[in-house]
């Protein structure tokens, strides 16, 4: 399994806006996630539904408050 690392907000924004990475709200609670949803981010449930179709080398950035 690849190493998990923290990145800056600026770096996360750059990777997400350039579509190099998926931005995912890390909360299971859909309501809480919708309150804190960042532009271009998907909910955890949406990510899980998309997971089977993703490439194994797709970068994913999870965030929470």
PDB file of N, CA and C in Angstrom:
ATOM      1  N   UNK A   1       0.842  -1.173   0.000  1.00  0.00           N
ATOM      2  CA  UNK A   1       0.000   0.000   0.000  1.00  0.00           C
ATOM      3  C   UNK A   1       0.890   1.240   0.000  1.00  0.00           C
ATOM      4  N   UNK A   2       0.542   2.244  -0.832  1.00  0.00           N
ATOM      5  CA  UNK A   2       1.340   3.465  -0.865  1.00  0.00           C
ATOM      6  C   UNK A   2       1.276   4.211   0.460  1.00  0.00           C
ATOM      7  N   UNK A   3       2.291   4.986   0.695  1.00  0.00           N
ATOM      8  CA  UNK A   3       2.351   5.786   1.911  1.00  0.00           C
ATOM      9  C   UNK A   3       1.331   6.923   1.825  1.00  0.00           C
ATOM     10  N   UNK A   4       0.697   7.216   2.935  1.00  0.00           N
ATOM     11  CA  UNK A   4      -0.252   8.319   3.005  1.00  0.00           C
ATOM     12  C   UNK A   4       0.477   9.526   3.562  1.00  0.00           C
ATOM     13  N   UNK A   5       0.322  10.658   2.910  1.00  0.00           N
ATOM     14  CA  UNK A   5       1.000  11.854   3.385  1.00  0.00           C
ATOM     15  C   UNK A   5       0.052  13.041   3.387  1.00  0.00           C
ATOM     16  N   UNK A   6       0.385  14.024   4.186  1.00  0.00           N
ATOM     17  CA  UNK A   6      -0.392  15.266   4.240  1.00  0.00           C
ATOM     18  C   UNK A   6       0.198  16.232   3.224  1.00  0.00           C
ATOM     19  N   UNK A   7      -0.692  16.996   2.602  1.00  0.00           N
ATOM     20  CA  UNK A   7      -0.247  18.029   1.679  1.00  0.00           C
ATOM     21  C   UNK A   7      -0.934  19.331   2.064  1.00  0.00           C
ATOM     22  N   UNK A   8      -0.415  20.419   1.556  1.00  0.00           N
ATOM     23  CA  UNK A   8      -0.990  21.725   1.878  1.00  0.00           C
ATOM     24  C   UNK A   8      -2.315  21.923   1.143  1.00  0.00           C
ATOM     25  N   UNK A   9      -3.078  22.867   1.615  1.00  0.00           N
ATOM     26  CA  UNK A   9      -4.335  23.219   0.964  1.00  0.00           C
ATOM     27  C   UNK A   9      -4.062  23.674  -0.462  1.00  0.00           C
ATOM     28  N   UNK A  10      -3.034  24.458  -0.637  1.00  0.00           N
ATOM     29  CA  UNK A  10      -2.667  24.957  -1.965  1.00  0.00           C
ATOM     30  C   UNK A  10      -2.368  23.807  -2.917  1.00  0.00           C
ATOM     31  N   UNK A  11      -1.600  22.851  -2.468  1.00  0.00           N
ATOM     32  CA  UNK A  11      -1.254  21.693  -3.294  1.00  0.00           C
ATOM     33  C   UNK A  11      -2.492  20.859  -3.613  1.00  0.00           C
ATOM     34  N   UNK A  12      -3.358  20.668  -2.635  1.00  0.00           N
ATOM     35  CA  UNK A  12      -4.597  19.912  -2.870  1.00  0.00           C
ATOM     36  C   UNK A  12      -5.450  20.608  -3.917  1.00  0.00           C
ATOM     37  N   UNK A  13      -5.573  21.912  -3.808  1.00  0.00           N
ATOM     38  CA  UNK A  13      -6.358  22.687  -4.775  1.00  0.00           C
ATOM     39  C   UNK A  13      -5.771  22.553  -6.178  1.00  0.00           C
ATOM     40  N   UNK A  14      -4.455  22.665  -6.297  1.00  0.00           N
ATOM     41  CA  UNK A  14      -3.802  22.551  -7.602  1.00  0.00           C
ATOM     42  C   UNK A  14      -4.021  21.167  -8.222  1.00  0.00           C
ATOM     43  N   UNK A  15      -3.885  20.137  -7.427  1.00  0.00           N
ATOM     44  CA  UNK A  15      -4.058  18.773  -7.942  1.00  0.00           C
ATOM     45  C   UNK A  15      -5.510  18.506  -8.332  1.00  0.00           C
ATOM     46  N   UNK A  16      -6.451  19.006  -7.539  1.00  0.00           N
ATOM     47  CA  UNK A  16      -7.868  18.777  -7.829  1.00  0.00           C
ATOM     48  C   UNK A  16      -8.320  19.582  -9.053  1.00  0.00           C
ATOM     49  N   UNK A  17      -7.922  20.845  -9.145  1.00  0.00           N
ATOM     50  CA  UNK A  17      -8.360  21.666 -10.273  1.00  0.00           C
ATOM     51  C   UNK A  17      -7.714  21.233 -11.585  1.00  0.00           C
ATOM     52  N   UNK A  18      -6.537  20.648 -11.515  1.00  0.00           N
ATOM     53  CA  UNK A  18      -5.895  20.150 -12.731  1.00  0.00           C
ATOM     54  C   UNK A  18      -6.330  18.722 -13.056  1.00  0.00           C
ATOM     55  N   UNK A  19      -7.218  18.190 -12.208  1.00  0.00           N
ATOM     56  CA  UNK A  19      -7.779  16.832 -12.367  1.00  0.00           C
ATOM     57  C   UNK A  19      -6.735  15.723 -12.250  1.00  0.00           C
ATOM     58  N   UNK A  20      -5.632  16.025 -11.584  1.00  0.00           N
ATOM     59  CA  UNK A  20      -4.644  14.984 -11.295  1.00  0.00           C
ATOM     60  C   UNK A  20      -5.093  14.133 -10.122  1.00  0.00           C
ATOM     61  N   UNK A  21      -6.004  14.679  -9.312  1.00  0.00           N
ATOM     62  CA  UNK A  21      -6.463  13.965  -8.118  1.00  0.00           C
ATOM     63  C   UNK A  21      -7.956  14.179  -7.927  1.00  0.00           C
ATOM     64  N   UNK A  22      -8.589  13.201  -7.296  1.00  0.00           N
ATOM     65  CA  UNK A  22      -9.988  13.329  -6.901  1.00  0.00           C
ATOM     66  C   UNK A  22     -10.027  13.898  -5.494  1.00  0.00           C
ATOM     67  N   UNK A  23     -10.948  14.792  -5.254  1.00  0.00           N
ATOM     68  CA  UNK A  23     -11.115  15.396  -3.938  1.00  0.00           C
ATOM     69  C   UNK A  23     -12.366  14.791  -3.308  1.00  0.00           C
ATOM     70  N   UNK A  24     -12.195  14.180  -2.127  1.00  0.00           N
ATOM     71  CA  UNK A  24     -13.286  13.440  -1.489  1.00  0.00           C
ATOM     72  C   UNK A  24     -13.462  13.901  -0.045  1.00  0.00           C
ATOM     73  N   UNK A  25     -14.706  14.254   0.307  1.00  0.00           N
ATOM     74  CA  UNK A  25     -15.034  14.567   1.690  1.00  0.00           C
ATOM     75  C   UNK A  25     -15.002  13.256   2.474  1.00  0.00           C
ATOM     76  N   UNK A  26     -14.257  13.208   3.555  1.00  0.00           N
ATOM     77  CA  UNK A  26     -14.040  11.968   4.288  1.00  0.00           C
ATOM     78  C   UNK A  26     -15.110  11.577   5.285  1.00  0.00           C
ATOM     79  N   UNK A  27     -16.198  12.324   5.378  1.00  0.00           N
ATOM     80  CA  UNK A  27     -17.245  12.002   6.335  1.00  0.00           C
ATOM     81  C   UNK A  27     -18.260  11.033   5.744  1.00  0.00           C
ATOM     82  N   UNK A  28     -18.673  10.044   6.525  1.00  0.00           N
ATOM     83  CA  UNK A  28     -19.720   9.123   6.094  1.00  0.00           C
ATOM     84  C   UNK A  28     -21.089   9.779   6.175  1.00  0.00           C
ATOM     85  N   UNK A  29     -21.262  10.708   7.089  1.00  0.00           N
ATOM     86  CA  UNK A  29     -22.524  11.414   7.259  1.00  0.00           C
ATOM     87  C   UNK A  29     -22.717  12.354   6.067  1.00  0.00           C
ATOM     88  N   UNK A  30     -23.656  11.999   5.211  1.00  0.00           N
ATOM     89  CA  UNK A  30     -23.915  12.742   3.978  1.00  0.00           C
ATOM     90  C   UNK A  30     -24.270  14.206   4.253  1.00  0.00           C
ATOM     91  N   UNK A  31     -25.061  14.458   5.284  1.00  0.00           N
ATOM     92  CA  UNK A  31     -25.469  15.819   5.621  1.00  0.00           C
ATOM     93  C   UNK A  31     -24.262  16.661   6.052  1.00  0.00           C
ATOM     94  N   UNK A  32     -23.427  16.086   6.894  1.00  0.00           N
ATOM     95  CA  UNK A  32     -22.232  16.790   7.364  1.00  0.00           C
ATOM     96  C   UNK A  32     -21.299  17.080   6.186  1.00  0.00           C
ATOM     97  N   UNK A  33     -21.159  16.120   5.303  1.00  0.00           N
ATOM     98  CA  UNK A  33     -20.293  16.279   4.143  1.00  0.00           C
ATOM     99  C   UNK A  33     -20.822  17.394   3.236  1.00  0.00           C
ATOM    100  N   UNK A  34     -22.119  17.437   3.023  1.00  0.00           N
ATOM    101  CA  UNK A  34     -22.695  18.466   2.161  1.00  0.00           C
ATOM    102  C   UNK A  34     -22.502  19.866   2.734  1.00  0.00           C
ATOM    103  N   UNK A  35     -22.475  19.985   4.058  1.00  0.00           N
ATOM    104  CA  UNK A  35     -22.245  21.285   4.701  1.00  0.00           C
ATOM    105  C   UNK A  35     -20.811  21.755   4.501  1.00  0.00           C
ATOM    106  N   UNK A  36     -19.876  20.822   4.381  1.00  0.00           N
ATOM    107  CA  UNK A  36     -18.454  21.150   4.288  1.00  0.00           C
ATOM    108  C   UNK A  36     -17.869  20.850   2.907  1.00  0.00           C
ATOM    109  N   UNK A  37     -18.718  20.628   1.940  1.00  0.00           N
ATOM    110  CA  UNK A  37     -18.267  20.217   0.611  1.00  0.00           C
ATOM    111  C   UNK A  37     -17.510  21.338  -0.089  1.00  0.00           C
ATOM    112  N   UNK A  38     -16.343  21.022  -0.565  1.00  0.00           N
ATOM    113  CA  UNK A  38     -15.530  21.967  -1.318  1.00  0.00           C
ATOM    114  C   UNK A  38     -15.870  21.851  -2.800  1.00  0.00           C
ATOM    115  N   UNK A  39     -15.629  22.913  -3.527  1.00  0.00           N
ATOM    116  CA  UNK A  39     -15.903  22.917  -4.960  1.00  0.00           C
ATOM    117  C   UNK A  39     -15.157  21.774  -5.648  1.00  0.00           C
ATOM    118  N   UNK A  40     -15.870  20.994  -6.414  1.00  0.00           N
ATOM    119  CA  UNK A  40     -15.270  19.890  -7.152  1.00  0.00           C
ATOM    120  C   UNK A  40     -15.123  18.600  -6.370  1.00  0.00           C
ATOM    121  N   UNK A  41     -15.510  18.621  -5.093  1.00  0.00           N
ATOM    122  CA  UNK A  41     -15.354  17.429  -4.255  1.00  0.00           C
ATOM    123  C   UNK A  41     -16.558  16.505  -4.404  1.00  0.00           C
ATOM    124  N   UNK A  42     -16.331  15.238  -4.107  1.00  0.00           N
ATOM    125  CA  UNK A  42     -17.423  14.274  -4.091  1.00  0.00           C
ATOM    126  C   UNK A  42     -17.591  13.744  -2.678  1.00  0.00           C
ATOM    127  N   UNK A  43     -18.784  13.257  -2.401  1.00  0.00           N
ATOM    128  CA  UNK A  43     -19.038  12.675  -1.091  1.00  0.00           C
ATOM    129  C   UNK A  43     -18.368  11.302  -1.011  1.00  0.00           C
ATOM    130  N   UNK A  44     -18.229  10.811   0.189  1.00  0.00           N
ATOM    131  CA  UNK A  44     -17.631   9.496   0.394  1.00  0.00           C
ATOM    132  C   UNK A  44     -18.467   8.411  -0.278  1.00  0.00           C
ATOM    133  N   UNK A  45     -19.787   8.535  -0.202  1.00  0.00           N
ATOM    134  CA  UNK A  45     -20.674   7.548  -0.838  1.00  0.00           C
ATOM    135  C   UNK A  45     -20.476   7.552  -2.358  1.00  0.00           C
ATOM    136  N   UNK A  46     -20.360   8.723  -2.951  1.00  0.00           N
ATOM    137  CA  UNK A  46     -20.122   8.813  -4.400  1.00  0.00           C
ATOM    138  C   UNK A  46     -18.775   8.207  -4.767  1.00  0.00           C
ATOM    139  N   UNK A  47     -17.777   8.474  -3.948  1.00  0.00           N
ATOM    140  CA  UNK A  47     -16.457   7.905  -4.186  1.00  0.00           C
ATOM    141  C   UNK A  47     -16.512   6.377  -4.142  1.00  0.00           C
ATOM    142  N   UNK A  48     -17.181   5.831  -3.140  1.00  0.00           N
ATOM    143  CA  UNK A  48     -17.273   4.386  -3.007  1.00  0.00           C
ATOM    144  C   UNK A  48     -17.989   3.768  -4.204  1.00  0.00           C
ATOM    145  N   UNK A  49     -18.993   4.458  -4.738  1.00  0.00           N
ATOM    146  CA  UNK A  49     -19.708   3.955  -5.912  1.00  0.00           C
ATOM    147  C   UNK A  49     -18.821   4.001  -7.158  1.00  0.00           C
ATOM    148  N   UNK A  50     -17.921   4.964  -7.219  1.00  0.00           N
ATOM    149  CA  UNK A  50     -17.029   5.152  -8.368  1.00  0.00           C
ATOM    150  C   UNK A  50     -15.787   4.268  -8.277  1.00  0.00           C
ATOM    151  N   UNK A  51     -15.449   3.846  -7.092  1.00  0.00           N
ATOM    152  CA  UNK A  51     -14.212   3.117  -6.826  1.00  0.00           C
ATOM    153  C   UNK A  51     -13.921   1.973  -7.804  1.00  0.00           C
ATOM    154  N   UNK A  52     -14.873   1.105  -8.127  1.00  0.00           N
ATOM    155  CA  UNK A  52     -14.559  -0.005  -9.034  1.00  0.00           C
ATOM    156  C   UNK A  52     -14.066   0.425 -10.423  1.00  0.00           C
ATOM    157  N   UNK A  53     -14.441   1.619 -10.849  1.00  0.00           N
ATOM    158  CA  UNK A  53     -14.055   2.070 -12.190  1.00  0.00           C
ATOM    159  C   UNK A  53     -12.781   2.913 -12.200  1.00  0.00           C
ATOM    160  N   UNK A  54     -12.211   3.192 -11.041  1.00  0.00           N
ATOM    161  CA  UNK A  54     -11.004   4.017 -10.971  1.00  0.00           C
ATOM    162  C   UNK A  54      -9.747   3.209 -11.266  1.00  0.00           C
ATOM    163  N   UNK A  55      -8.788   3.877 -11.854  1.00  0.00           N
ATOM    164  CA  UNK A  55      -7.475   3.282 -12.083  1.00  0.00           C
ATOM    165  C   UNK A  55      -6.779   3.105 -10.732  1.00  0.00           C
ATOM    166  N   UNK A  56      -5.979   2.072 -10.618  1.00  0.00           N
ATOM    167  CA  UNK A  56      -5.270   1.816  -9.353  1.00  0.00           C
ATOM    168  C   UNK A  56      -4.260   2.919  -9.021  1.00  0.00           C
ATOM    169  N   UNK A  57      -3.842   3.680 -10.021  1.00  0.00           N
ATOM    170  CA  UNK A  57      -2.877   4.740  -9.755  1.00  0.00           C
ATOM    171  C   UNK A  57      -3.526   6.125  -9.658  1.00  0.00           C
ATOM    172  N   UNK A  58      -4.861   6.177  -9.592  1.00  0.00           N
ATOM    173  CA  UNK A  58      -5.572   7.447  -9.437  1.00  0.00           C
ATOM    174  C   UNK A  58      -5.276   8.030  -8.061  1.00  0.00           C
ATOM    175  N   UNK A  59      -4.818   9.257  -8.025  1.00  0.00           N
ATOM    176  CA  UNK A  59      -4.559   9.926  -6.742  1.00  0.00           C
ATOM    177  C   UNK A  59      -5.890  10.393  -6.168  1.00  0.00           C
ATOM    178  N   UNK A  60      -6.062  10.184  -4.862  1.00  0.00           N
ATOM    179  CA  UNK A  60      -7.276  10.577  -4.162  1.00  0.00           C
ATOM    180  C   UNK A  60      -6.876  11.414  -2.943  1.00  0.00           C
ATOM    181  N   UNK A  61      -7.517  12.548  -2.787  1.00  0.00           N
ATOM    182  CA  UNK A  61      -7.267  13.414  -1.643  1.00  0.00           C
ATOM    183  C   UNK A  61      -8.523  13.420  -0.781  1.00  0.00           C
ATOM    184  N   UNK A  62      -8.409  12.945   0.441  1.00  0.00           N
ATOM    185  CA  UNK A  62      -9.509  12.987   1.398  1.00  0.00           C
ATOM    186  C   UNK A  62      -9.329  14.195   2.310  1.00  0.00           C
ATOM    187  N   UNK A  63     -10.423  14.832   2.656  1.00  0.00           N
ATOM    188  CA  UNK A  63     -10.341  15.946   3.593  1.00  0.00           C
ATOM    189  C   UNK A  63     -11.463  15.850   4.610  1.00  0.00           C
ATOM    190  N   UNK A  64     -11.235  16.456   5.761  1.00  0.00           N
ATOM    191  CA  UNK A  64     -12.249  16.607   6.799  1.00  0.00           C
ATOM    192  C   UNK A  64     -11.878  17.836   7.619  1.00  0.00           C
ATOM    193  N   UNK A  65     -12.815  18.346   8.383  1.00  0.00           N
ATOM    194  CA  UNK A  65     -12.556  19.571   9.142  1.00  0.00           C
ATOM    195  C   UNK A  65     -12.006  19.280  10.503  1.00  0.00           C
TER     196      UNK A  65
END
